[in-house]
Amino acid sequence: MLVGLKQLAQKEALTTALRKIKHTKNRQISQAFSHTYLVGAVIVLILSPIALLTDRKPLT
């Protein structure tokens, strides 16, 4: 009986630990994607005016 209670407590502790690990992993993945999109947006914002200046002038 005592072994069963210990195993039940161990199962609860393991379930809680795995839930915390999953939550932390998902949060870090979301944060990484957020940073990636932010870097991409900054690059586009910086290079957009340069792209407007590279138009060729029509030959007359």
PDB file of N, CA and C in Angstrom:
ATOM      1  N   MET A   1       0.824  -1.200   0.000  1.00  0.00           N
ATOM      2  CA  MET A   1       0.000   0.000   0.000  1.00  0.00           C
ATOM      3  C   MET A   1       0.864   1.258   0.000  1.00  0.00           C
ATOM      4  N   LEU A   2       1.929   1.246   0.818  1.00  0.00           N
ATOM      5  CA  LEU A   2       2.807   2.406   0.908  1.00  0.00           C
ATOM      6  C   LEU A   2       3.547   2.626  -0.405  1.00  0.00           C
ATOM      7  N   VAL A   3       3.921   1.531  -1.069  1.00  0.00           N
ATOM      8  CA  VAL A   3       4.613   1.634  -2.354  1.00  0.00           C
ATOM      9  C   VAL A   3       3.690   2.265  -3.394  1.00  0.00           C
ATOM     10  N   GLY A   4       2.431   1.888  -3.369  1.00  0.00           N
ATOM     11  CA  GLY A   4       1.460   2.455  -4.307  1.00  0.00           C
ATOM     12  C   GLY A   4       1.291   3.957  -4.110  1.00  0.00           C
ATOM     13  N   LEU A   5       1.262   4.400  -2.858  1.00  0.00           N
ATOM     14  CA  LEU A   5       1.139   5.835  -2.581  1.00  0.00           C
ATOM     15  C   LEU A   5       2.376   6.592  -3.046  1.00  0.00           C
ATOM     16  N   LYS A   6       3.545   5.981  -2.845  1.00  0.00           N
ATOM     17  CA  LYS A   6       4.786   6.620  -3.293  1.00  0.00           C
ATOM     18  C   LYS A   6       4.811   6.733  -4.814  1.00  0.00           C
ATOM     19  N   GLN A   7       4.350   5.683  -5.486  1.00  0.00           N
ATOM     20  CA  GLN A   7       4.321   5.718  -6.950  1.00  0.00           C
ATOM     21  C   GLN A   7       3.323   6.757  -7.455  1.00  0.00           C
ATOM     22  N   LEU A   8       2.206   6.898  -6.783  1.00  0.00           N
ATOM     23  CA  LEU A   8       1.212   7.897  -7.165  1.00  0.00           C
ATOM     24  C   LEU A   8       1.770   9.310  -6.984  1.00  0.00           C
ATOM     25  N   ALA A   9       2.468   9.537  -5.884  1.00  0.00           N
ATOM     26  CA  ALA A   9       3.080  10.844  -5.641  1.00  0.00           C
ATOM     27  C   ALA A   9       4.173  11.124  -6.673  1.00  0.00           C
ATOM     28  N   GLN A  10       4.928  10.087  -7.020  1.00  0.00           N
ATOM     29  CA  GLN A  10       5.983  10.240  -8.017  1.00  0.00           C
ATOM     30  C   GLN A  10       5.370  10.563  -9.381  1.00  0.00           C
ATOM     31  N   LYS A  11       4.256   9.926  -9.697  1.00  0.00           N
ATOM     32  CA  LYS A  11       3.581  10.188 -10.970  1.00  0.00           C
ATOM     33  C   LYS A  11       3.101  11.634 -11.028  1.00  0.00           C
ATOM     34  N   GLU A  12       2.534  12.123  -9.936  1.00  0.00           N
ATOM     35  CA  GLU A  12       2.071  13.516  -9.886  1.00  0.00           C
ATOM     36  C   GLU A  12       3.234  14.488 -10.060  1.00  0.00           C
ATOM     37  N   ALA A  13       4.352  14.212  -9.392  1.00  0.00           N
ATOM     38  CA  ALA A  13       5.521  15.091  -9.504  1.00  0.00           C
ATOM     39  C   ALA A  13       6.055  15.092 -10.929  1.00  0.00           C
ATOM     40  N   LEU A  14       6.092  13.926 -11.548  1.00  0.00           N
ATOM     41  CA  LEU A  14       6.576  13.815 -12.922  1.00  0.00           C
ATOM     42  C   LEU A  14       5.640  14.530 -13.888  1.00  0.00           C
ATOM     43  N   THR A  15       4.351  14.380 -13.696  1.00  0.00           N
ATOM     44  CA  THR A  15       3.373  15.053 -14.558  1.00  0.00           C
ATOM     45  C   THR A  15       3.509  16.567 -14.445  1.00  0.00           C
ATOM     46  N   THR A  16       3.667  17.060 -13.232  1.00  0.00           N
ATOM     47  CA  THR A  16       3.837  18.498 -13.020  1.00  0.00           C
ATOM     48  C   THR A  16       5.119  19.000 -13.667  1.00  0.00           C
ATOM     49  N   ALA A  17       6.203  18.261 -13.504  1.00  0.00           N
ATOM     50  CA  ALA A  17       7.480  18.668 -14.092  1.00  0.00           C
ATOM     51  C   ALA A  17       7.400  18.688 -15.612  1.00  0.00           C
ATOM     52  N   LEU A  18       6.783  17.676 -16.204  1.00  0.00           N
ATOM     53  CA  LEU A  18       6.661  17.630 -17.663  1.00  0.00           C
ATOM     54  C   LEU A  18       5.775  18.759 -18.182  1.00  0.00           C
ATOM     55  N   ARG A  19       4.734  19.102 -17.459  1.00  0.00           N
ATOM     56  CA  ARG A  19       3.858  20.212 -17.859  1.00  0.00           C
ATOM     57  C   ARG A  19       4.630  21.535 -17.841  1.00  0.00           C
ATOM     58  N   LYS A  20       5.457  21.739 -16.807  1.00  0.00           N
ATOM     59  CA  LYS A  20       6.261  22.961 -16.724  1.00  0.00           C
ATOM     60  C   LYS A  20       7.289  23.019 -17.853  1.00  0.00           C
ATOM     61  N   ILE A  21       7.905  21.886 -18.156  1.00  0.00           N
ATOM     62  CA  ILE A  21       8.885  21.830 -19.242  1.00  0.00           C
ATOM     63  C   ILE A  21       8.216  22.158 -20.568  1.00  0.00           C
ATOM     64  N   LYS A  22       7.046  21.595 -20.811  1.00  0.00           N
ATOM     65  CA  LYS A  22       6.321  21.847 -22.060  1.00  0.00           C
ATOM     66  C   LYS A  22       5.940  23.318 -22.177  1.00  0.00           C
ATOM     67  N   HIS A  23       5.462  23.899 -21.089  1.00  0.00           N
ATOM     68  CA  HIS A  23       5.080  25.316 -21.093  1.00  0.00           C
ATOM     69  C   HIS A  23       6.294  26.203 -21.385  1.00  0.00           C
ATOM     70  N   THR A  24       7.416  25.916 -20.734  1.00  0.00           N
ATOM     71  CA  THR A  24       8.637  26.699 -20.942  1.00  0.00           C
ATOM     72  C   THR A  24       9.130  26.570 -22.370  1.00  0.00           C
ATOM     73  N   LYS A  25       9.095  25.353 -22.904  1.00  0.00           N
ATOM     74  CA  LYS A  25       9.548  25.130 -24.280  1.00  0.00           C
ATOM     75  C   LYS A  25       8.680  25.895 -25.267  1.00  0.00           C
ATOM     76  N   ASN A  26       7.367  25.839 -25.101  1.00  0.00           N
ATOM     77  CA  ASN A  26       6.458  26.550 -26.001  1.00  0.00           C
ATOM     78  C   ASN A  26       6.655  28.061 -25.919  1.00  0.00           C
ATOM     79  N   ARG A  27       6.889  28.571 -24.716  1.00  0.00           N
ATOM     80  CA  ARG A  27       7.111  30.006 -24.546  1.00  0.00           C
ATOM     81  C   ARG A  27       8.404  30.437 -25.232  1.00  0.00           C
ATOM     82  N   GLN A  28       9.454  29.635 -25.103  1.00  0.00           N
ATOM     83  CA  GLN A  28      10.728  29.978 -25.732  1.00  0.00           C
ATOM     84  C   GLN A  28      10.644  29.900 -27.252  1.00  0.00           C
ATOM     85  N   ILE A  29       9.917  28.934 -27.781  1.00  0.00           N
ATOM     86  CA  ILE A  29       9.748  28.830 -29.235  1.00  0.00           C
ATOM     87  C   ILE A  29       8.970  30.034 -29.753  1.00  0.00           C
ATOM     88  N   SER A  30       7.920  30.425 -29.050  1.00  0.00           N
ATOM     89  CA  SER A  30       7.139  31.599 -29.456  1.00  0.00           C
ATOM     90  C   SER A  30       7.992  32.859 -29.427  1.00  0.00           C
ATOM     91  N   GLN A  31       8.815  32.974 -28.410  1.00  0.00           N
ATOM     92  CA  GLN A  31       9.683  34.141 -28.295  1.00  0.00           C
ATOM     93  C   GLN A  31      10.717  34.164 -29.415  1.00  0.00           C
ATOM     94  N   ALA A  32      11.250  33.010 -29.794  1.00  0.00           N
ATOM     95  CA  ALA A  32      12.228  32.948 -30.883  1.00  0.00           C
ATOM     96  C   ALA A  32      11.593  33.370 -32.204  1.00  0.00           C
ATOM     97  N   PHE A  33      10.384  32.900 -32.493  1.00  0.00           N
ATOM     98  CA  PHE A  33       9.703  33.299 -33.726  1.00  0.00           C
ATOM     99  C   PHE A  33       9.388  34.792 -33.708  1.00  0.00           C
ATOM    100  N   SER A  34       9.012  35.313 -32.561  1.00  0.00           N
ATOM    101  CA  SER A  34       8.727  36.739 -32.443  1.00  0.00           C
ATOM    102  C   SER A  34       9.969  37.562 -32.763  1.00  0.00           C
ATOM    103  N   HIS A  35      11.113  37.139 -32.245  1.00  0.00           N
ATOM    104  CA  HIS A  35      12.358  37.852 -32.533  1.00  0.00           C
ATOM    105  C   HIS A  35      12.721  37.750 -34.008  1.00  0.00           C
ATOM    106  N   THR A  36      12.477  36.599 -34.609  1.00  0.00           N
ATOM    107  CA  THR A  36      12.779  36.418 -36.028  1.00  0.00           C
ATOM    108  C   THR A  36      11.955  37.368 -36.880  1.00  0.00           C
ATOM    109  N   TYR A  37      10.662  37.462 -36.610  1.00  0.00           N
ATOM    110  CA  TYR A  37       9.806  38.367 -37.380  1.00  0.00           C
ATOM    111  C   TYR A  37      10.184  39.824 -37.135  1.00  0.00           C
ATOM    112  N   LEU A  38      10.590  40.153 -35.921  1.00  0.00           N
ATOM    113  CA  LEU A  38      11.006  41.520 -35.620  1.00  0.00           C
ATOM    114  C   LEU A  38      12.262  41.891 -36.405  1.00  0.00           C
ATOM    115  N   VAL A  39      13.231  40.994 -36.472  1.00  0.00           N
ATOM    116  CA  VAL A  39      14.454  41.247 -37.238  1.00  0.00           C
ATOM    117  C   VAL A  39      14.118  41.415 -38.715  1.00  0.00           C
ATOM    118  N   GLY A  40      13.253  40.566 -39.239  1.00  0.00           N
ATOM    119  CA  GLY A  40      12.839  40.687 -40.638  1.00  0.00           C
ATOM    120  C   GLY A  40      12.157  42.009 -40.916  1.00  0.00           C
ATOM    121  N   ALA A  41      11.303  42.448 -40.017  1.00  0.00           N
ATOM    122  CA  ALA A  41      10.602  43.722 -40.197  1.00  0.00           C
ATOM    123  C   ALA A  41      11.576  44.896 -40.175  1.00  0.00           C
ATOM    124  N   VAL A  42      12.566  44.839 -39.302  1.00  0.00           N
ATOM    125  CA  VAL A  42      13.563  45.915 -39.235  1.00  0.00           C
ATOM    126  C   VAL A  42      14.379  45.964 -40.518  1.00  0.00           C
ATOM    127  N   ILE A  43      14.761  44.808 -41.044  1.00  0.00           N
ATOM    128  CA  ILE A  43      15.527  44.764 -42.291  1.00  0.00           C
ATOM    129  C   ILE A  43      14.712  45.360 -43.436  1.00  0.00           C
ATOM    130  N   VAL A  44      13.455  44.970 -43.553  1.00  0.00           N
ATOM    131  CA  VAL A  44      12.594  45.510 -44.616  1.00  0.00           C
ATOM    132  C   VAL A  44      12.414  47.015 -44.442  1.00  0.00           C
ATOM    133  N   LEU A  45      12.225  47.464 -43.222  1.00  0.00           N
ATOM    134  CA  LEU A  45      12.040  48.890 -42.956  1.00  0.00           C
ATOM    135  C   LEU A  45      13.278  49.695 -43.335  1.00  0.00           C
ATOM    136  N   ILE A  46      14.447  49.172 -43.048  1.00  0.00           N
ATOM    137  CA  ILE A  46      15.686  49.883 -43.366  1.00  0.00           C
ATOM    138  C   ILE A  46      15.961  49.882 -44.864  1.00  0.00           C
ATOM    139  N   LEU A  47      15.700  48.770 -45.533  1.00  0.00           N
ATOM    140  CA  LEU A  47      16.065  48.655 -46.943  1.00  0.00           C
ATOM    141  C   LEU A  47      15.005  49.182 -47.907  1.00  0.00           C
ATOM    142  N   SER A  48      13.801  49.444 -47.460  1.00  0.00           N
ATOM    143  CA  SER A  48      12.756  49.944 -48.361  1.00  0.00           C
ATOM    144  C   SER A  48      13.102  51.287 -49.000  1.00  0.00           C
ATOM    145  N   PRO A  49      13.589  52.274 -48.263  1.00  0.00           N
ATOM    146  CA  PRO A  49      13.960  53.534 -48.921  1.00  0.00           C
ATOM    147  C   PRO A  49      15.100  53.352 -49.928  1.00  0.00           C
ATOM    148  N   ILE A  50      16.012  52.462 -49.643  1.00  0.00           N
ATOM    149  CA  ILE A  50      17.113  52.203 -50.573  1.00  0.00           C
ATOM    150  C   ILE A  50      16.567  51.592 -51.855  1.00  0.00           C
ATOM    151  N   ALA A  51      15.583  50.731 -51.739  1.00  0.00           N
ATOM    152  CA  ALA A  51      14.988  50.107 -52.929  1.00  0.00           C
ATOM    153  C   ALA A  51      14.302  51.143 -53.806  1.00  0.00           C
ATOM    154  N   LEU A  52      13.716  52.159 -53.215  1.00  0.00           N
ATOM    155  CA  LEU A  52      13.066  53.209 -54.002  1.00  0.00           C
ATOM    156  C   LEU A  52      14.083  54.040 -54.782  1.00  0.00           C
ATOM    157  N   LEU A  53      15.289  54.134 -54.272  1.00  0.00           N
ATOM    158  CA  LEU A  53      16.323  54.930 -54.937  1.00  0.00           C
ATOM    159  C   LEU A  53      17.033  54.171 -56.053  1.00  0.00           C
ATOM    160  N   THR A  54      16.774  52.898 -56.194  1.00  0.00           N
ATOM    161  CA  THR A  54      17.483  52.103 -57.199  1.00  0.00           C
ATOM    162  C   THR A  54      16.719  51.978 -58.507  1.00  0.00           C
ATOM    163  N   ASP A  55      15.603  52.679 -58.656  1.00  0.00           N
ATOM    164  CA  ASP A  55      14.865  52.636 -59.922  1.00  0.00           C
ATOM    165  C   ASP A  55      15.707  53.252 -61.030  1.00  0.00           C
ATOM    166  N   ARG A  56      15.640  52.640 -62.199  1.00  0.00           N
ATOM    167  CA  ARG A  56      16.382  53.182 -63.340  1.00  0.00           C
ATOM    168  C   ARG A  56      15.602  54.336 -63.951  1.00  0.00           C
ATOM    169  N   LYS A  57      16.330  55.316 -64.375  1.00  0.00           N
ATOM    170  CA  LYS A  57      15.694  56.453 -65.037  1.00  0.00           C
ATOM    171  C   LYS A  57      15.414  56.082 -66.486  1.00  0.00           C
ATOM    172  N   PRO A  58      14.270  56.466 -66.995  1.00  0.00           N
ATOM    173  CA  PRO A  58      13.949  56.105 -68.386  1.00  0.00           C
ATOM    174  C   PRO A  58      14.893  56.801 -69.368  1.00  0.00           C
ATOM    175  N   LEU A  59      15.254  56.062 -70.419  1.00  0.00           N
ATOM    176  CA  LEU A  59      16.114  56.623 -71.459  1.00  0.00           C
ATOM    177  C   LEU A  59      15.282  57.501 -72.376  1.00  0.00           C
ATOM    178  N   THR A  60      15.782  58.669 -72.687  1.00  0.00           N
ATOM    179  CA  THR A  60      15.040  59.567 -73.587  1.00  0.00           C
ATOM    180  C   THR A  60      15.803  59.809 -74.867  1.00  0.00           C
TER     181      THR A  60
END
